[in-house]
Each structure stands twice: as C-alpha cells, then as structure tokens.
Protein backbone atom coordinates (compact mmCIF):
# COMPACT_ATOMS: atom_id res chain seq x y z
CA MET A 1 0.31 -0.21 -0.06
CA THR A 2 1.52 3.58 -1.32
CA GLU A 3 0.40 6.82 0.81
CA ALA A 4 -0.53 9.51 -0.38
CA ARG A 5 0.87 12.28 -1.99
CA TYR A 6 0.75 15.38 -2.14
CA ALA A 7 1.72 17.88 -5.00
CA VAL A 8 3.84 20.47 -2.30
CA LEU A 9 3.25 23.97 -3.98
CA LEU A 10 5.45 26.88 -2.75
CA THR A 11 3.34 30.37 -3.30
CA GLU A 12 5.52 33.71 -5.01
CA GLY A 13 5.38 35.18 -1.03
CA ALA A 14 6.82 31.91 0.64
CA GLU A 15 9.78 31.78 -1.97
CA GLN A 16 10.79 35.62 -2.05
CA ASP A 17 11.18 34.19 2.59
CA LEU A 18 13.66 31.14 1.39
CA GLU A 19 14.85 34.07 -0.65
CA SER A 20 14.98 36.52 1.68
CA ILE A 21 16.09 33.90 4.52
CA TYR A 22 19.13 32.37 2.62
CA ASP A 23 20.67 35.90 1.56
CA TYR A 24 20.49 36.96 5.40
CA ILE A 25 22.51 33.68 6.33
CA ALA A 26 24.95 34.03 3.53
CA GLU A 27 25.66 37.77 4.36
CA PHE A 28 25.91 37.71 8.32
CA ASP A 29 26.63 34.08 8.85
CA SER A 30 28.24 31.98 5.88
CA LEU A 31 27.54 30.77 2.35
CA ALA A 32 27.70 26.66 4.27
CA ASN A 33 25.06 27.64 6.99
CA ALA A 34 22.99 29.63 4.63
CA ASP A 35 23.22 25.85 2.71
CA TYR A 36 22.51 23.67 5.39
CA VAL A 37 19.43 26.15 6.61
CA LEU A 38 18.14 26.25 2.99
CA ASP A 39 18.30 22.51 2.98
CA ARG A 40 16.62 21.23 5.98
CA LEU A 41 13.75 24.32 4.78
CA THR A 42 13.21 22.12 1.80
CA GLU A 43 12.90 19.25 3.20
CA ALA A 44 10.92 20.11 6.01
CA ALA A 45 8.47 21.68 2.53
CA GLU A 46 9.06 18.25 0.93
CA GLY A 47 8.15 16.45 4.04
CA LEU A 48 4.45 17.86 3.67
CA ALA A 49 4.17 15.91 0.83
CA ILE A 50 3.36 13.15 3.66
CA PHE A 51 1.11 13.89 6.07
CA PRO A 52 0.21 16.93 5.94
CA GLU A 53 -2.46 17.68 8.43
CA ARG A 54 -0.01 16.81 11.28
CA GLY A 55 1.05 20.15 11.60
CA SER A 56 -0.32 21.95 14.90
CA TYR A 57 -2.50 25.61 14.12
CA PRO A 58 -0.26 28.63 14.02
CA LYS A 59 -2.04 29.67 17.32
CA GLU A 60 -2.40 33.56 16.38
CA LEU A 61 -4.86 32.53 13.66
CA LEU A 62 -6.40 30.43 16.02
CA ALA A 63 -6.99 32.87 17.93
CA LEU A 64 -8.95 34.66 15.14
CA GLY A 65 -11.07 31.06 14.81
CA ILE A 66 -9.14 29.87 11.47
CA LYS A 67 -8.30 26.71 11.60
CA GLU A 68 -7.22 26.62 7.18
CA TYR A 69 -3.91 26.76 7.85
CA ARG A 70 -0.95 24.74 9.04
CA GLN A 71 2.55 25.07 10.45
CA THR A 72 6.34 22.82 10.37
CA PHE A 73 8.74 24.04 12.20
CA PHE A 74 12.97 24.03 11.00
CA LYS A 75 13.61 25.48 14.70
CA PRO A 76 13.65 28.90 14.58
CA TYR A 77 11.59 29.32 11.43
CA ARG A 78 7.94 28.20 10.77
CA MET A 79 6.45 27.34 7.66
CA ILE A 80 2.54 28.42 7.11
CA TYR A 81 0.60 26.14 5.07
CA ARG A 82 -3.06 25.21 3.63
CA VAL A 83 -3.87 22.17 2.11
CA ILE A 84 -6.41 21.89 -0.12
CA ASP A 85 -7.36 18.97 -2.51
CA ALA A 86 -4.60 16.94 -3.01
CA ARG A 87 -2.28 20.30 -2.87
CA VAL A 88 0.36 21.90 -0.35
CA TYR A 89 0.20 25.57 -0.31
CA VAL A 90 3.16 26.96 1.26
CA HIS A 91 2.63 30.58 1.94
CA VAL A 92 4.86 31.74 4.67
CA ILE A 93 8.21 30.67 5.56
CA ALA A 94 9.59 32.97 8.34
CA ASP A 95 11.43 33.44 11.90
CA GLY A 96 9.47 32.80 14.38
CA ARG A 97 11.02 35.38 16.35
CA ARG A 98 9.51 38.40 14.72
CA ASP A 99 5.48 38.99 14.60
CA MET A 100 3.83 36.65 13.20
CA GLN A 101 0.55 38.46 13.96
CA SER A 102 0.70 41.05 11.77
CA LEU A 103 3.07 39.37 8.84
CA LEU A 104 -0.02 36.87 9.54
CA ALA A 105 -2.40 39.41 8.85
CA ARG A 106 -0.90 40.90 6.30
CA ARG A 107 -0.17 37.62 3.97
CA LEU A 108 -2.96 35.76 4.66
CA LEU A 109 -5.89 37.41 5.64
CA GLY A 110 -4.95 40.55 3.32
CA ALA A 111 -5.48 43.67 6.61
C-alpha cells in the first residue's frame, strides 16, 4: 500500500521568504550555513507531501478562529501552509521570533 502524496507548492511570497532567509544568512553568517538552512527548509517543505495534516494550527490564526492553515517547523523558522485537495500551498516561511501576528494578517488575511 502506498501512501497518498500531496503536491507541495510554494507561493510567490514563500519563495521570496526563502530567498530572503538564504541571502541574510549568507551575508551575516556563511554560505555553508545558508546552504544548510535552505536544505533543511526544503526538506521540511517536501515532508509535507506525506501527512500534511499532522502540522499544528498557528496560534495567531487559531485565536481568530481560523483553521485553514497549519504549520511545521525547522527552528526557529515556521512554515505556514494550507492543504487544498491534493495540494499543499506554503504561504509563509519566516523566523518564528518575528511579529508573526502582523506578518500573517498581512500575508494571509490581506489586512
């Protein structure tokens, strides 16, 4: 029995998040660490192809009664995504130490 696989897609915003994270680490730390973090974040995204429902609900959205989005982690980064049919759409990849409330409101709720 093979498990169902979901297609994992990054939104434009999530792709920009990845680039920003990579560029920041490459500039202020090292290329090796930037590559490492990019690899781990890519693995975390690919891991959503199997059992994407295992992710928890972001507390900032849960507080607003929103349960369409879930999250997975590669600390300190949070990956916020939504499962629609057989697709997983990654909307946000951000350092969890940021002000996630306003970031999520802006990016997901159009506030």
